[in-house]
N, C-alpha and C. Protein backbone atom coordinates (compact mmCIF):
# COMPACT_ATOMS: atom_id res chain seq x y z
N MET A 1 30.43 -44.62 1.96
CA MET A 1 30.02 -44.22 3.30
C MET A 1 29.15 -45.35 3.88
N ALA A 2 29.40 -45.71 5.12
CA ALA A 2 28.62 -46.75 5.79
C ALA A 2 27.18 -46.27 6.01
N MET A 3 26.24 -47.22 6.06
CA MET A 3 24.83 -46.87 6.20
C MET A 3 24.57 -46.05 7.46
N ASP A 4 25.19 -46.40 8.59
CA ASP A 4 24.98 -45.64 9.83
C ASP A 4 25.39 -44.18 9.66
N GLU A 5 26.48 -43.95 8.95
CA GLU A 5 26.94 -42.58 8.70
C GLU A 5 25.96 -41.84 7.77
N GLU A 6 25.47 -42.54 6.74
CA GLU A 6 24.49 -41.92 5.83
C GLU A 6 23.22 -41.53 6.58
N ILE A 7 22.77 -42.39 7.47
CA ILE A 7 21.57 -42.11 8.26
C ILE A 7 21.80 -40.88 9.13
N LYS A 8 22.93 -40.80 9.81
CA LYS A 8 23.25 -39.63 10.64
C LYS A 8 23.29 -38.36 9.79
N THR A 9 23.88 -38.45 8.61
CA THR A 9 23.97 -37.29 7.72
C THR A 9 22.59 -36.82 7.28
N LYS A 10 21.73 -37.76 6.88
CA LYS A 10 20.38 -37.39 6.42
C LYS A 10 19.58 -36.75 7.55
N LYS A 11 19.70 -37.29 8.77
CA LYS A 11 19.00 -36.69 9.91
C LYS A 11 19.49 -35.27 10.15
N LYS A 12 20.81 -35.09 10.11
CA LYS A 12 21.40 -33.77 10.35
C LYS A 12 20.96 -32.77 9.27
N GLU A 13 20.81 -33.25 8.02
CA GLU A 13 20.41 -32.39 6.91
C GLU A 13 18.91 -32.12 6.87
N GLY A 14 18.14 -32.77 7.77
CA GLY A 14 16.71 -32.51 7.85
C GLY A 14 15.86 -33.31 6.89
N TRP A 15 16.40 -34.41 6.34
CA TRP A 15 15.61 -35.27 5.47
C TRP A 15 14.46 -35.87 6.27
N ILE A 16 13.39 -36.23 5.61
CA ILE A 16 12.19 -36.76 6.26
C ILE A 16 12.32 -38.28 6.39
N GLU A 17 12.31 -38.75 7.63
CA GLU A 17 12.39 -40.19 7.88
C GLU A 17 10.98 -40.76 7.93
N SER A 18 10.75 -41.82 7.16
CA SER A 18 9.41 -42.40 7.05
C SER A 18 9.47 -43.92 7.10
N TRP A 19 8.30 -44.49 7.40
CA TRP A 19 8.11 -45.93 7.36
C TRP A 19 6.92 -46.18 6.46
N PHE A 20 7.10 -47.04 5.47
CA PHE A 20 6.06 -47.40 4.52
C PHE A 20 5.73 -48.87 4.68
N VAL A 21 4.48 -49.21 4.42
CA VAL A 21 4.07 -50.60 4.23
C VAL A 21 3.57 -50.67 2.79
N ILE A 22 4.16 -51.57 2.01
CA ILE A 22 3.76 -51.73 0.61
C ILE A 22 3.33 -53.19 0.43
N GLU A 23 2.18 -53.37 -0.20
CA GLU A 23 1.65 -54.72 -0.41
C GLU A 23 1.50 -54.99 -1.90
N ALA A 24 1.80 -56.23 -2.29
CA ALA A 24 1.61 -56.65 -3.67
C ALA A 24 0.71 -57.88 -3.69
N LEU A 25 -0.06 -58.02 -4.75
CA LEU A 25 -0.94 -59.16 -4.95
C LEU A 25 -0.74 -59.65 -6.37
N ALA A 26 -0.59 -60.98 -6.54
CA ALA A 26 -0.40 -61.55 -7.87
C ALA A 26 -1.07 -62.91 -7.94
N MET A 27 -1.11 -63.45 -9.15
CA MET A 27 -1.77 -64.73 -9.38
C MET A 27 -0.91 -65.92 -8.98
N ASN A 28 0.42 -65.71 -8.87
CA ASN A 28 1.26 -66.80 -8.40
C ASN A 28 2.35 -66.28 -7.47
N GLU A 29 2.90 -67.18 -6.69
CA GLU A 29 3.85 -66.82 -5.63
C GLU A 29 5.13 -66.19 -6.17
N ASP A 30 5.70 -66.76 -7.22
CA ASP A 30 6.95 -66.22 -7.76
C ASP A 30 6.78 -64.81 -8.30
N THR A 31 5.64 -64.56 -8.93
CA THR A 31 5.39 -63.23 -9.49
C THR A 31 5.29 -62.18 -8.39
N VAL A 32 4.58 -62.48 -7.32
CA VAL A 32 4.43 -61.49 -6.25
C VAL A 32 5.79 -61.19 -5.62
N LYS A 33 6.60 -62.22 -5.41
CA LYS A 33 7.92 -62.02 -4.80
C LYS A 33 8.84 -61.18 -5.69
N SER A 34 8.94 -61.56 -6.95
CA SER A 34 9.85 -60.85 -7.85
C SER A 34 9.37 -59.44 -8.13
N SER A 35 8.06 -59.27 -8.26
CA SER A 35 7.52 -57.93 -8.53
C SER A 35 7.77 -56.98 -7.37
N LEU A 36 7.55 -57.45 -6.15
CA LEU A 36 7.74 -56.59 -4.99
C LEU A 36 9.23 -56.28 -4.79
N GLU A 37 10.09 -57.27 -4.99
CA GLU A 37 11.53 -57.02 -4.88
C GLU A 37 11.99 -56.00 -5.91
N ASN A 38 11.49 -56.12 -7.15
CA ASN A 38 11.84 -55.18 -8.21
C ASN A 38 11.33 -53.78 -7.89
N HIS A 39 10.12 -53.70 -7.35
CA HIS A 39 9.52 -52.42 -6.96
C HIS A 39 10.40 -51.70 -5.93
N ILE A 40 10.89 -52.44 -4.95
CA ILE A 40 11.73 -51.85 -3.90
C ILE A 40 13.10 -51.48 -4.45
N LYS A 41 13.64 -52.26 -5.39
CA LYS A 41 14.91 -51.89 -6.03
C LYS A 41 14.77 -50.55 -6.74
N LYS A 42 13.66 -50.37 -7.45
CA LYS A 42 13.42 -49.09 -8.14
C LYS A 42 13.31 -47.96 -7.13
N LEU A 43 12.60 -48.18 -6.05
CA LEU A 43 12.49 -47.16 -5.00
C LEU A 43 13.87 -46.82 -4.45
N SER A 44 14.70 -47.82 -4.24
CA SER A 44 16.05 -47.61 -3.70
C SER A 44 16.94 -46.80 -4.65
N ASN A 45 16.59 -46.78 -5.92
CA ASN A 45 17.39 -46.04 -6.91
C ASN A 45 16.94 -44.60 -7.11
N VAL A 46 15.88 -44.18 -6.41
CA VAL A 46 15.43 -42.79 -6.53
C VAL A 46 16.51 -41.88 -5.94
N LYS A 47 16.90 -40.88 -6.70
CA LYS A 47 18.05 -40.03 -6.35
C LYS A 47 17.93 -39.36 -4.97
N GLU A 48 16.78 -38.82 -4.65
CA GLU A 48 16.63 -38.06 -3.40
C GLU A 48 15.97 -38.87 -2.30
N VAL A 49 16.19 -40.20 -2.34
CA VAL A 49 15.65 -41.13 -1.33
C VAL A 49 16.77 -42.04 -0.87
N LEU A 50 16.78 -42.32 0.43
CA LEU A 50 17.69 -43.32 0.98
C LEU A 50 16.85 -44.39 1.67
N VAL A 51 16.78 -45.57 1.06
CA VAL A 51 16.12 -46.71 1.69
C VAL A 51 17.17 -47.36 2.57
N PHE A 52 16.87 -47.46 3.87
CA PHE A 52 17.89 -48.02 4.77
C PHE A 52 17.46 -49.28 5.49
N GLU A 53 16.21 -49.70 5.29
CA GLU A 53 15.79 -50.96 5.89
C GLU A 53 14.57 -51.50 5.15
N THR A 54 14.58 -52.79 4.85
CA THR A 54 13.42 -53.46 4.26
C THR A 54 13.21 -54.79 4.97
N LYS A 55 11.96 -55.11 5.22
CA LYS A 55 11.60 -56.40 5.82
C LYS A 55 10.44 -56.97 5.03
N PHE A 56 10.70 -58.04 4.29
CA PHE A 56 9.68 -58.70 3.49
C PHE A 56 8.99 -59.76 4.34
N SER A 57 7.66 -59.80 4.29
CA SER A 57 6.90 -60.84 4.97
C SER A 57 6.94 -62.11 4.12
N ASP A 58 6.49 -63.19 4.68
CA ASP A 58 6.29 -64.41 3.90
C ASP A 58 5.11 -64.18 2.96
N VAL A 59 5.12 -64.87 1.84
CA VAL A 59 4.01 -64.80 0.90
C VAL A 59 2.82 -65.56 1.49
N GLN A 60 1.65 -64.94 1.38
CA GLN A 60 0.43 -65.55 1.91
C GLN A 60 -0.52 -65.89 0.76
N LYS A 61 -1.09 -67.08 0.80
CA LYS A 61 -2.12 -67.46 -0.16
C LYS A 61 -3.42 -66.77 0.26
N VAL A 62 -4.13 -66.20 -0.72
CA VAL A 62 -5.37 -65.46 -0.44
C VAL A 62 -6.48 -66.05 -1.30
N ASP A 63 -7.54 -66.51 -0.66
CA ASP A 63 -8.69 -67.03 -1.39
C ASP A 63 -9.56 -65.88 -1.87
N LYS A 64 -9.94 -65.93 -3.14
CA LYS A 64 -10.82 -64.94 -3.76
C LYS A 64 -10.40 -63.49 -3.46
N PRO A 65 -9.18 -63.13 -3.84
CA PRO A 65 -8.69 -61.78 -3.52
C PRO A 65 -9.44 -60.67 -4.26
N VAL A 66 -9.89 -60.96 -5.47
CA VAL A 66 -10.68 -60.00 -6.25
C VAL A 66 -11.72 -60.77 -7.05
N LYS A 67 -12.69 -60.06 -7.56
CA LYS A 67 -13.77 -60.68 -8.32
C LYS A 67 -13.21 -61.54 -9.47
N ASN A 68 -13.77 -62.72 -9.62
CA ASN A 68 -13.41 -63.67 -10.68
C ASN A 68 -12.01 -64.26 -10.57
N VAL A 69 -11.39 -64.14 -9.42
CA VAL A 69 -10.07 -64.75 -9.17
C VAL A 69 -10.22 -65.64 -7.95
N GLU A 70 -9.97 -66.93 -8.14
CA GLU A 70 -10.15 -67.89 -7.04
C GLU A 70 -9.04 -67.83 -6.00
N VAL A 71 -7.76 -67.72 -6.47
CA VAL A 71 -6.62 -67.74 -5.55
C VAL A 71 -5.60 -66.70 -5.99
N GLY A 72 -5.03 -66.01 -5.02
CA GLY A 72 -3.95 -65.07 -5.28
C GLY A 72 -2.89 -65.22 -4.22
N TYR A 73 -1.82 -64.46 -4.38
CA TYR A 73 -0.73 -64.49 -3.41
C TYR A 73 -0.35 -63.05 -3.05
N SER A 74 -0.20 -62.81 -1.77
CA SER A 74 0.07 -61.47 -1.26
C SER A 74 1.38 -61.45 -0.49
N GLN A 75 2.09 -60.36 -0.60
CA GLN A 75 3.30 -60.16 0.18
C GLN A 75 3.38 -58.69 0.58
N ILE A 76 3.91 -58.47 1.76
CA ILE A 76 4.05 -57.12 2.32
C ILE A 76 5.53 -56.86 2.59
N VAL A 77 5.93 -55.62 2.38
CA VAL A 77 7.28 -55.21 2.77
C VAL A 77 7.18 -53.94 3.61
N ASP A 78 7.90 -53.93 4.73
CA ASP A 78 8.07 -52.72 5.54
C ASP A 78 9.33 -52.05 5.04
N VAL A 79 9.25 -50.75 4.78
CA VAL A 79 10.39 -50.01 4.24
C VAL A 79 10.63 -48.78 5.11
N LYS A 80 11.86 -48.61 5.55
CA LYS A 80 12.25 -47.38 6.24
C LYS A 80 13.13 -46.60 5.28
N LEU A 81 12.83 -45.30 5.17
CA LEU A 81 13.54 -44.48 4.20
C LEU A 81 13.63 -43.03 4.64
N PHE A 82 14.54 -42.32 3.99
CA PHE A 82 14.64 -40.87 4.12
C PHE A 82 14.31 -40.26 2.77
N ALA A 83 13.52 -39.19 2.76
CA ALA A 83 13.24 -38.41 1.56
C ALA A 83 13.81 -37.01 1.78
N LYS A 84 14.45 -36.47 0.76
CA LYS A 84 15.13 -35.19 0.88
C LYS A 84 14.20 -34.07 1.33
N ASN A 85 12.96 -34.08 0.84
CA ASN A 85 12.01 -33.02 1.18
C ASN A 85 10.59 -33.54 1.00
N LEU A 86 9.62 -32.71 1.30
CA LEU A 86 8.22 -33.12 1.24
C LEU A 86 7.78 -33.43 -0.19
N LEU A 87 8.24 -32.67 -1.16
CA LEU A 87 7.88 -32.94 -2.56
C LEU A 87 8.37 -34.33 -2.97
N THR A 88 9.59 -34.67 -2.62
CA THR A 88 10.12 -36.00 -2.94
C THR A 88 9.28 -37.08 -2.27
N LEU A 89 8.93 -36.88 -1.00
CA LEU A 89 8.12 -37.85 -0.27
C LEU A 89 6.77 -38.06 -0.96
N ILE A 90 6.12 -36.99 -1.36
CA ILE A 90 4.82 -37.09 -2.02
C ILE A 90 4.95 -37.80 -3.37
N LYS A 91 5.98 -37.48 -4.14
CA LYS A 91 6.18 -38.16 -5.42
C LYS A 91 6.40 -39.66 -5.21
N VAL A 92 7.17 -40.02 -4.20
CA VAL A 92 7.43 -41.44 -3.91
C VAL A 92 6.13 -42.13 -3.49
N ILE A 93 5.32 -41.45 -2.71
CA ILE A 93 4.02 -42.02 -2.31
C ILE A 93 3.16 -42.27 -3.54
N MET A 94 3.11 -41.30 -4.45
CA MET A 94 2.28 -41.43 -5.65
C MET A 94 2.80 -42.54 -6.57
N LEU A 95 4.11 -42.69 -6.68
CA LEU A 95 4.68 -43.65 -7.62
C LEU A 95 4.81 -45.07 -7.06
N TYR A 96 4.97 -45.20 -5.75
CA TYR A 96 5.25 -46.52 -5.18
C TYR A 96 4.11 -47.07 -4.33
N GLY A 97 3.04 -46.30 -4.14
CA GLY A 97 1.79 -46.77 -3.59
C GLY A 97 1.80 -47.49 -2.25
N PRO A 98 2.41 -46.90 -1.24
CA PRO A 98 2.33 -47.57 0.07
C PRO A 98 0.89 -47.62 0.58
N SER A 99 0.59 -48.69 1.33
CA SER A 99 -0.73 -48.83 1.94
C SER A 99 -0.83 -48.00 3.21
N SER A 100 0.31 -47.82 3.85
CA SER A 100 0.37 -47.08 5.10
C SER A 100 1.69 -46.34 5.17
N ILE A 101 1.65 -45.16 5.79
CA ILE A 101 2.84 -44.31 5.90
C ILE A 101 2.90 -43.74 7.31
N GLU A 102 4.08 -43.74 7.88
CA GLU A 102 4.28 -43.07 9.16
C GLU A 102 5.51 -42.17 9.03
N ILE A 103 5.36 -40.92 9.44
CA ILE A 103 6.48 -39.99 9.46
C ILE A 103 7.16 -40.14 10.82
N ILE A 104 8.43 -40.49 10.81
CA ILE A 104 9.19 -40.69 12.05
C ILE A 104 9.79 -39.36 12.53
N GLU A 105 10.50 -38.69 11.63
CA GLU A 105 11.12 -37.41 11.94
C GLU A 105 11.15 -36.56 10.69
N PRO A 106 11.17 -35.27 10.78
CA PRO A 106 11.09 -34.44 11.98
C PRO A 106 9.64 -34.31 12.45
N ASN A 107 9.47 -33.78 13.64
CA ASN A 107 8.13 -33.57 14.19
C ASN A 107 7.41 -32.41 13.51
N GLU A 108 8.18 -31.47 13.00
CA GLU A 108 7.61 -30.30 12.31
C GLU A 108 8.44 -29.98 11.08
N LEU A 109 7.79 -29.39 10.08
CA LEU A 109 8.47 -28.91 8.89
C LEU A 109 8.08 -27.47 8.63
N LYS A 110 9.03 -26.68 8.23
CA LYS A 110 8.75 -25.32 7.80
C LYS A 110 8.91 -25.31 6.29
N LEU A 111 7.85 -24.92 5.58
CA LEU A 111 7.87 -24.94 4.13
C LEU A 111 7.91 -23.54 3.55
N LYS A 112 8.66 -23.41 2.47
CA LYS A 112 8.68 -22.16 1.72
C LYS A 112 7.54 -22.20 0.72
N ALA A 113 7.06 -21.05 0.32
CA ALA A 113 5.96 -20.97 -0.64
C ALA A 113 6.30 -21.73 -1.92
N GLU A 114 7.55 -21.68 -2.35
CA GLU A 114 7.96 -22.39 -3.57
C GLU A 114 7.74 -23.90 -3.45
N GLU A 115 8.05 -24.46 -2.28
CA GLU A 115 7.85 -25.89 -2.09
C GLU A 115 6.36 -26.25 -2.07
N ILE A 116 5.57 -25.41 -1.42
CA ILE A 116 4.11 -25.64 -1.40
C ILE A 116 3.56 -25.55 -2.83
N GLN A 117 4.05 -24.61 -3.60
CA GLN A 117 3.62 -24.46 -5.00
C GLN A 117 4.00 -25.69 -5.81
N ASN A 118 5.23 -26.19 -5.65
CA ASN A 118 5.67 -27.38 -6.39
C ASN A 118 4.82 -28.61 -6.03
N ILE A 119 4.52 -28.77 -4.76
CA ILE A 119 3.68 -29.88 -4.32
C ILE A 119 2.28 -29.75 -4.91
N SER A 120 1.73 -28.56 -4.84
CA SER A 120 0.39 -28.31 -5.37
C SER A 120 0.32 -28.61 -6.87
N ASN A 121 1.32 -28.17 -7.62
CA ASN A 121 1.35 -28.42 -9.06
C ASN A 121 1.51 -29.91 -9.37
N THR A 122 2.30 -30.61 -8.57
CA THR A 122 2.47 -32.05 -8.75
C THR A 122 1.15 -32.77 -8.54
N LEU A 123 0.41 -32.42 -7.49
CA LEU A 123 -0.88 -33.05 -7.22
C LEU A 123 -1.91 -32.69 -8.29
N ALA A 124 -1.90 -31.44 -8.75
CA ALA A 124 -2.82 -31.03 -9.81
C ALA A 124 -2.54 -31.80 -11.10
N ALA A 125 -1.28 -32.01 -11.43
CA ALA A 125 -0.92 -32.77 -12.63
C ALA A 125 -1.42 -34.21 -12.52
N LEU A 126 -1.34 -34.78 -11.33
CA LEU A 126 -1.81 -36.15 -11.13
C LEU A 126 -3.32 -36.24 -11.36
N VAL A 127 -4.07 -35.30 -10.82
CA VAL A 127 -5.52 -35.28 -11.02
C VAL A 127 -5.84 -35.21 -12.51
N HIS A 128 -5.11 -34.38 -13.26
CA HIS A 128 -5.35 -34.24 -14.69
C HIS A 128 -4.94 -35.50 -15.45
N GLN A 129 -3.92 -36.22 -14.98
CA GLN A 129 -3.54 -37.49 -15.62
C GLN A 129 -4.66 -38.52 -15.44
N PHE A 130 -5.25 -38.57 -14.24
CA PHE A 130 -6.38 -39.47 -14.00
C PHE A 130 -7.54 -39.11 -14.93
N ALA A 131 -7.83 -37.82 -15.04
CA ALA A 131 -8.94 -37.39 -15.89
C ALA A 131 -8.68 -37.76 -17.35
N ALA A 132 -7.46 -37.56 -17.81
CA ALA A 132 -7.11 -37.88 -19.20
C ALA A 132 -7.19 -39.38 -19.47
N ALA A 133 -6.93 -40.18 -18.44
CA ALA A 133 -6.98 -41.64 -18.59
C ALA A 133 -8.40 -42.18 -18.42
N GLY A 134 -9.33 -41.30 -18.09
CA GLY A 134 -10.71 -41.73 -17.89
C GLY A 134 -10.95 -42.38 -16.54
N ALA A 135 -10.05 -42.15 -15.59
CA ALA A 135 -10.17 -42.79 -14.27
C ALA A 135 -10.59 -41.81 -13.21
N GLY A 136 -11.39 -40.85 -13.56
CA GLY A 136 -11.81 -39.84 -12.59
C GLY A 136 -11.31 -38.49 -13.03
N GLY A 137 -11.38 -37.57 -12.15
CA GLY A 137 -10.92 -36.24 -12.53
C GLY A 137 -11.40 -35.18 -11.59
N ILE A 138 -11.68 -34.08 -12.15
CA ILE A 138 -12.02 -32.90 -11.39
C ILE A 138 -13.50 -32.94 -11.00
N VAL A 139 -13.76 -32.70 -9.75
CA VAL A 139 -15.13 -32.68 -9.27
C VAL A 139 -15.63 -31.23 -9.34
N ILE A 140 -16.74 -31.04 -10.02
CA ILE A 140 -17.34 -29.71 -10.11
C ILE A 140 -18.49 -29.67 -9.11
N THR A 141 -18.47 -28.70 -8.22
CA THR A 141 -19.52 -28.57 -7.22
C THR A 141 -20.74 -27.93 -7.87
N PRO A 142 -21.89 -28.61 -7.78
CA PRO A 142 -23.09 -28.04 -8.41
C PRO A 142 -23.56 -26.81 -7.64
N GLU A 143 -24.25 -25.94 -8.36
CA GLU A 143 -24.83 -24.77 -7.70
C GLU A 143 -25.99 -25.22 -6.86
N LYS A 144 -26.18 -24.56 -5.73
CA LYS A 144 -27.26 -24.94 -4.81
C LYS A 144 -28.48 -24.11 -5.05
């Protein structure tokens, strides 16, 4: 099926159209380019996602990008995609780490309780993974 037809089909089926900006930073130019290209290939292979446009920026040299690093290289990619549903979109956001996200269509979504429950459980599992890795976790509100 041609890409234009796939896009029309996804819109008709109510898939969520989004625009992502994803940025990568590495110690050398070749690494940032290959890593970001590989990252987008993996995103394109997600079953319930259709990546239909990518625009890679030129690699930029960055002075002192992080502590104790004198020079790094940064590259950005704009990605337009469709996600089958909100749960898929949230999983893709968590796994592929866009810096910015814009929802293009639809303007509104009607969710069933089951979908809200699945999203909630997915987010709760992520919080517990962070806690288990020692990178944060559950915030307990102190008594006043």
